[in-house]
């Protein structure tokens, strides 16, 4: 498995809308494994393909405390949503930034699994928040889009400054495969 490079805000590639996966094959499953590996390595609870510059409708989540309950959603769609509550969110593409975002408390989602079979899932709490957050990525939306323009400008400036500081230390990472 490979750790993939995560795009960081305000990279314009994060704004691309992901395309549906036509066939769930070994290449898609390997990519999903790489997404999970990357998410775990970065201590995240979710990661969407768009965040690693692969614009396919694939996301992974694992909100378990033990980090042993990975969930793969291919071509996810929300069938129903109930309630609305604010919760603090962060994002691997917006490192070190956390803020409150209002999202549905409970959702029902349909997706394809690792085997390509369709399934439905009822989610609430952190799992519901995480799925909605990652699905936003597939539509080119980030959690900072829910914040004020002033907050977004401050976040952009802070992240640009941090990137300049990090750029002096070069890192070698693998890039995502084309699917």
C-alpha atoms as a PDB file:
ATOM      1  CA  UNK A   1       0.000   0.000   0.000  1.00  0.00           C
ATOM      2  CA  UNK A   2       1.027   3.573  -0.643  1.00  0.00           C
ATOM      3  CA  UNK A   3       0.662   6.817   1.264  1.00  0.00           C
ATOM      4  CA  UNK A   4      -0.828   9.345  -1.140  1.00  0.00           C
ATOM      5  CA  UNK A   5      -0.224  13.105  -1.247  1.00  0.00           C
ATOM      6  CA  UNK A   6      -3.160  15.057   0.180  1.00  0.00           C
ATOM      7  CA  UNK A   7      -4.019  18.305  -1.598  1.00  0.00           C
ATOM      8  CA  UNK A   8      -4.286  21.333   0.660  1.00  0.00           C
ATOM      9  CA  UNK A   9      -6.667  24.277   0.549  1.00  0.00           C
ATOM     10  CA  UNK A  10      -6.823  26.476  -1.516  1.00  0.00           C
ATOM     11  CA  UNK A  11      -5.573  24.076  -4.246  1.00  0.00           C
ATOM     12  CA  UNK A  12      -8.066  24.444  -7.138  1.00  0.00           C
ATOM     13  CA  UNK A  13      -8.065  20.685  -7.768  1.00  0.00           C
ATOM     14  CA  UNK A  14     -10.074  20.333  -4.548  1.00  0.00           C
ATOM     15  CA  UNK A  15     -12.914  22.136  -6.363  1.00  0.00           C
ATOM     16  CA  UNK A  16     -13.300  19.515  -9.092  1.00  0.00           C
ATOM     17  CA  UNK A  17     -16.453  17.418  -9.094  1.00  0.00           C
ATOM     18  CA  UNK A  18     -15.751  13.702  -8.964  1.00  0.00           C
ATOM     19  CA  UNK A  19     -17.112  11.327 -11.592  1.00  0.00           C
ATOM     20  CA  UNK A  20     -18.980   8.114 -10.838  1.00  0.00           C
ATOM     21  CA  UNK A  21     -17.007   4.897 -10.750  1.00  0.00           C
ATOM     22  CA  UNK A  22     -18.218   2.723 -13.613  1.00  0.00           C
ATOM     23  CA  UNK A  23     -16.704  -0.612 -12.552  1.00  0.00           C
ATOM     24  CA  UNK A  24     -15.443  -1.713  -9.146  1.00  0.00           C
ATOM     25  CA  UNK A  25     -12.336  -3.682 -10.079  1.00  0.00           C
ATOM     26  CA  UNK A  26      -8.985  -4.540  -8.514  1.00  0.00           C
ATOM     27  CA  UNK A  27      -7.561  -1.102  -9.387  1.00  0.00           C
ATOM     28  CA  UNK A  28     -10.407   0.602  -7.482  1.00  0.00           C
ATOM     29  CA  UNK A  29      -9.939  -1.752  -4.507  1.00  0.00           C
ATOM     30  CA  UNK A  30      -6.162  -1.100  -4.440  1.00  0.00           C
ATOM     31  CA  UNK A  31      -6.818   2.635  -4.591  1.00  0.00           C
ATOM     32  CA  UNK A  32      -9.313   2.314  -1.704  1.00  0.00           C
ATOM     33  CA  UNK A  33      -6.634   0.500   0.318  1.00  0.00           C
ATOM     34  CA  UNK A  34      -4.202   3.342  -0.425  1.00  0.00           C
ATOM     35  CA  UNK A  35      -6.841   5.884   0.655  1.00  0.00           C
ATOM     36  CA  UNK A  36      -7.312   4.028   3.946  1.00  0.00           C
ATOM     37  CA  UNK A  37      -3.552   3.730   4.479  1.00  0.00           C
ATOM     38  CA  UNK A  38      -3.170   7.469   3.885  1.00  0.00           C
ATOM     39  CA  UNK A  39      -6.103   8.351   6.153  1.00  0.00           C
ATOM     40  CA  UNK A  40      -4.715   6.209   8.996  1.00  0.00           C
ATOM     41  CA  UNK A  41      -1.168   7.551   8.537  1.00  0.00           C
ATOM     42  CA  UNK A  42      -2.495  11.116   8.794  1.00  0.00           C
ATOM     43  CA  UNK A  43      -4.691  10.282  11.811  1.00  0.00           C
ATOM     44  CA  UNK A  44      -7.861  11.231   9.939  1.00  0.00           C
ATOM     45  CA  UNK A  45     -11.348   9.746  10.239  1.00  0.00           C
ATOM     46  CA  UNK A  46     -12.230  10.157   6.564  1.00  0.00           C
ATOM     47  CA  UNK A  47     -10.689  10.792   3.165  1.00  0.00           C
ATOM     48  CA  UNK A  48     -12.196  11.367  -0.266  1.00  0.00           C
ATOM     49  CA  UNK A  49     -10.517  10.535  -3.572  1.00  0.00           C
ATOM     50  CA  UNK A  50     -10.696  14.201  -4.616  1.00  0.00           C
ATOM     51  CA  UNK A  51      -8.339  15.053  -1.757  1.00  0.00           C
ATOM     52  CA  UNK A  52      -5.587  12.997  -3.403  1.00  0.00           C
ATOM     53  CA  UNK A  53      -6.288  14.358  -6.896  1.00  0.00           C
ATOM     54  CA  UNK A  54      -8.303  11.366  -8.106  1.00  0.00           C
ATOM     55  CA  UNK A  55     -11.667  12.656  -9.216  1.00  0.00           C
ATOM     56  CA  UNK A  56     -13.766   9.545  -8.751  1.00  0.00           C
ATOM     57  CA  UNK A  57     -16.675   9.164  -6.311  1.00  0.00           C
ATOM     58  CA  UNK A  58     -14.813   7.125  -3.694  1.00  0.00           C
ATOM     59  CA  UNK A  59     -14.452   7.829   0.016  1.00  0.00           C
ATOM     60  CA  UNK A  60     -13.283   5.992   3.107  1.00  0.00           C
ATOM     61  CA  UNK A  61     -14.093   6.549   6.771  1.00  0.00           C
ATOM     62  CA  UNK A  62     -13.276   4.947  10.095  1.00  0.00           C
ATOM     63  CA  UNK A  63     -14.665   6.651  13.186  1.00  0.00           C
ATOM     64  CA  UNK A  64     -13.988   3.726  15.543  1.00  0.00           C
ATOM     65  CA  UNK A  65     -11.778   4.360  18.557  1.00  0.00           C
ATOM     66  CA  UNK A  66      -9.695   1.282  17.740  1.00  0.00           C
ATOM     67  CA  UNK A  67      -9.333   2.385  14.084  1.00  0.00           C
ATOM     68  CA  UNK A  68     -10.382  -1.071  12.928  1.00  0.00           C
ATOM     69  CA  UNK A  69     -13.766  -0.503  11.265  1.00  0.00           C
ATOM     70  CA  UNK A  70     -12.972   0.921   7.825  1.00  0.00           C
ATOM     71  CA  UNK A  71     -15.900   1.782   5.592  1.00  0.00           C
ATOM     72  CA  UNK A  72     -15.597   2.211   1.833  1.00  0.00           C
ATOM     73  CA  UNK A  73     -18.304   4.084  -0.061  1.00  0.00           C
ATOM     74  CA  UNK A  74     -18.223   4.122  -3.853  1.00  0.00           C
ATOM     75  CA  UNK A  75     -20.671   6.415  -5.669  1.00  0.00           C
ATOM     76  CA  UNK A  76     -22.369   7.391  -2.382  1.00  0.00           C
ATOM     77  CA  UNK A  77     -25.660   9.248  -2.367  1.00  0.00           C
ATOM     78  CA  UNK A  78     -27.682  10.517   0.567  1.00  0.00           C
ATOM     79  CA  UNK A  79     -31.218   9.146   0.437  1.00  0.00           C
ATOM     80  CA  UNK A  80     -32.542  10.976   3.495  1.00  0.00           C
ATOM     81  CA  UNK A  81     -31.335  13.362   6.171  1.00  0.00           C
ATOM     82  CA  UNK A  82     -32.883  14.382   9.504  1.00  0.00           C
ATOM     83  CA  UNK A  83     -32.126  17.019  12.086  1.00  0.00           C
ATOM     84  CA  UNK A  84     -29.498  19.717  11.933  1.00  0.00           C
ATOM     85  CA  UNK A  85     -26.801  20.243  14.522  1.00  0.00           C
ATOM     86  CA  UNK A  86     -23.471  22.059  14.715  1.00  0.00           C
ATOM     87  CA  UNK A  87     -20.307  20.044  15.304  1.00  0.00           C
ATOM     88  CA  UNK A  88     -16.641  20.919  15.211  1.00  0.00           C
ATOM     89  CA  UNK A  89     -14.922  19.678  12.061  1.00  0.00           C
ATOM     90  CA  UNK A  90     -11.407  19.546  10.774  1.00  0.00           C
ATOM     91  CA  UNK A  91     -10.014  18.372   7.453  1.00  0.00           C
ATOM     92  CA  UNK A  92      -6.820  16.747   6.230  1.00  0.00           C
ATOM     93  CA  UNK A  93      -6.884  19.224   3.316  1.00  0.00           C
ATOM     94  CA  UNK A  94      -7.139  22.163   5.729  1.00  0.00           C
ATOM     95  CA  UNK A  95      -4.575  21.063   8.331  1.00  0.00           C
ATOM     96  CA  UNK A  96      -4.786  22.431  11.841  1.00  0.00           C
ATOM     97  CA  UNK A  97      -8.054  24.295  11.258  1.00  0.00           C
ATOM     98  CA  UNK A  98     -11.221  23.409  13.172  1.00  0.00           C
ATOM     99  CA  UNK A  99     -14.595  25.133  13.242  1.00  0.00           C
ATOM    100  CA  UNK A 100     -18.276  24.416  13.768  1.00  0.00           C
ATOM    101  CA  UNK A 101     -20.396  23.347  10.799  1.00  0.00           C
ATOM    102  CA  UNK A 102     -24.112  22.483  10.794  1.00  0.00           C
ATOM    103  CA  UNK A 103     -24.930  19.131   9.229  1.00  0.00           C
ATOM    104  CA  UNK A 104     -27.732  16.577   9.328  1.00  0.00           C
ATOM    105  CA  UNK A 105     -27.692  14.535  12.538  1.00  0.00           C
ATOM    106  CA  UNK A 106     -28.906  11.354  10.854  1.00  0.00           C
ATOM    107  CA  UNK A 107     -28.583  10.196   7.265  1.00  0.00           C
ATOM    108  CA  UNK A 108     -29.383   7.201   5.124  1.00  0.00           C
ATOM    109  CA  UNK A 109     -26.822   6.643   2.384  1.00  0.00           C
ATOM    110  CA  UNK A 110     -26.639   4.268  -0.578  1.00  0.00           C
ATOM    111  CA  UNK A 111     -23.305   3.264  -2.073  1.00  0.00           C
ATOM    112  CA  UNK A 112     -21.367   0.463  -3.668  1.00  0.00           C
ATOM    113  CA  UNK A 113     -19.057  -1.564  -1.458  1.00  0.00           C
ATOM    114  CA  UNK A 114     -15.682  -3.166  -2.057  1.00  0.00           C
ATOM    115  CA  UNK A 115     -17.355  -6.025  -3.942  1.00  0.00           C
ATOM    116  CA  UNK A 116     -19.293  -3.639  -6.201  1.00  0.00           C
ATOM    117  CA  UNK A 117     -22.634  -4.536  -4.615  1.00  0.00           C
ATOM    118  CA  UNK A 118     -25.026  -1.764  -3.604  1.00  0.00           C
ATOM    119  CA  UNK A 119     -25.868  -1.333   0.077  1.00  0.00           C
ATOM    120  CA  UNK A 120     -27.674   1.163   2.289  1.00  0.00           C
ATOM    121  CA  UNK A 121     -26.471   2.445   5.630  1.00  0.00           C
ATOM    122  CA  UNK A 122     -28.099   4.462   8.404  1.00  0.00           C
ATOM    123  CA  UNK A 123     -25.597   6.743  10.113  1.00  0.00           C
ATOM    124  CA  UNK A 124     -25.741   9.226  12.956  1.00  0.00           C
ATOM    125  CA  UNK A 125     -23.315  11.144  15.126  1.00  0.00           C
ATOM    126  CA  UNK A 126     -19.710  11.360  13.990  1.00  0.00           C
ATOM    127  CA  UNK A 127     -20.229   8.790  11.211  1.00  0.00           C
ATOM    128  CA  UNK A 128     -23.029  10.877   9.650  1.00  0.00           C
ATOM    129  CA  UNK A 129     -20.930  14.039   9.909  1.00  0.00           C
ATOM    130  CA  UNK A 130     -17.889  12.338   8.400  1.00  0.00           C
ATOM    131  CA  UNK A 131     -19.801  10.856   5.461  1.00  0.00           C
ATOM    132  CA  UNK A 132     -21.392  14.232   4.661  1.00  0.00           C
ATOM    133  CA  UNK A 133     -18.017  15.983   4.950  1.00  0.00           C
ATOM    134  CA  UNK A 134     -16.317  13.509   2.603  1.00  0.00           C
ATOM    135  CA  UNK A 135     -19.236  13.601   0.145  1.00  0.00           C
ATOM    136  CA  UNK A 136     -18.837  17.382   0.009  1.00  0.00           C
ATOM    137  CA  UNK A 137     -15.275  16.799  -1.225  1.00  0.00           C
ATOM    138  CA  UNK A 138     -16.625  14.681  -4.072  1.00  0.00           C
ATOM    139  CA  UNK A 139     -18.708  17.699  -5.113  1.00  0.00           C
ATOM    140  CA  UNK A 140     -15.770  20.119  -4.883  1.00  0.00           C
ATOM    141  CA  UNK A 141     -16.862  21.614  -1.573  1.00  0.00           C
ATOM    142  CA  UNK A 142     -14.816  22.013   1.607  1.00  0.00           C
ATOM    143  CA  UNK A 143     -15.931  22.567   5.181  1.00  0.00           C
ATOM    144  CA  UNK A 144     -14.445  26.073   5.087  1.00  0.00           C
ATOM    145  CA  UNK A 145     -17.122  26.957   2.502  1.00  0.00           C
ATOM    146  CA  UNK A 146     -19.590  26.933   5.392  1.00  0.00           C
ATOM    147  CA  UNK A 147     -17.549  29.646   7.150  1.00  0.00           C
ATOM    148  CA  UNK A 148     -17.531  33.394   6.568  1.00  0.00           C
ATOM    149  CA  UNK A 149     -15.391  34.913   3.811  1.00  0.00           C
ATOM    150  CA  UNK A 150     -13.245  36.629   6.459  1.00  0.00           C
ATOM    151  CA  UNK A 151     -12.503  33.308   8.166  1.00  0.00           C
ATOM    152  CA  UNK A 152     -11.659  31.711   4.792  1.00  0.00           C
ATOM    153  CA  UNK A 153      -9.208  34.537   3.987  1.00  0.00           C
ATOM    154  CA  UNK A 154      -7.509  34.138   7.371  1.00  0.00           C
ATOM    155  CA  UNK A 155      -7.278  30.376   6.886  1.00  0.00           C
ATOM    156  CA  UNK A 156      -5.807  30.775   3.376  1.00  0.00           C
ATOM    157  CA  UNK A 157      -3.132  33.173   4.657  1.00  0.00           C
ATOM    158  CA  UNK A 158      -2.258  30.939   7.606  1.00  0.00           C
ATOM    159  CA  UNK A 159      -1.953  27.817   5.453  1.00  0.00           C
ATOM    160  CA  UNK A 160       0.120  29.606   2.804  1.00  0.00           C
ATOM    161  CA  UNK A 161       2.526  30.768   5.508  1.00  0.00           C
ATOM    162  CA  UNK A 162       2.789  27.247   6.937  1.00  0.00           C
ATOM    163  CA  UNK A 163       3.361  25.782   3.450  1.00  0.00           C
ATOM    164  CA  UNK A 164       6.239  28.199   2.851  1.00  0.00           C
ATOM    165  CA  UNK A 165       7.805  27.114   6.119  1.00  0.00           C
ATOM    166  CA  UNK A 166       7.372  23.433   5.247  1.00  0.00           C
ATOM    167  CA  UNK A 167       8.650  23.848   1.684  1.00  0.00           C
ATOM    168  CA  UNK A 168      12.163  24.257   3.022  1.00  0.00           C
ATOM    169  CA  UNK A 169      11.928  20.627   4.125  1.00  0.00           C
ATOM    170  CA  UNK A 170      11.269  18.496   1.064  1.00  0.00           C
ATOM    171  CA  UNK A 171       9.287  15.307   1.413  1.00  0.00           C
ATOM    172  CA  UNK A 172       9.136  12.433  -1.026  1.00  0.00           C
ATOM    173  CA  UNK A 173       5.694  10.871  -1.374  1.00  0.00           C
ATOM    174  CA  UNK A 174       4.015   8.726  -3.951  1.00  0.00           C
ATOM    175  CA  UNK A 175       1.330  10.166  -6.195  1.00  0.00           C
ATOM    176  CA  UNK A 176      -2.074   8.594  -6.700  1.00  0.00           C
ATOM    177  CA  UNK A 177      -2.565   6.212  -9.602  1.00  0.00           C
ATOM    178  CA  UNK A 178      -4.862   7.111 -12.463  1.00  0.00           C
ATOM    179  CA  UNK A 179      -8.145   5.219 -12.316  1.00  0.00           C
END
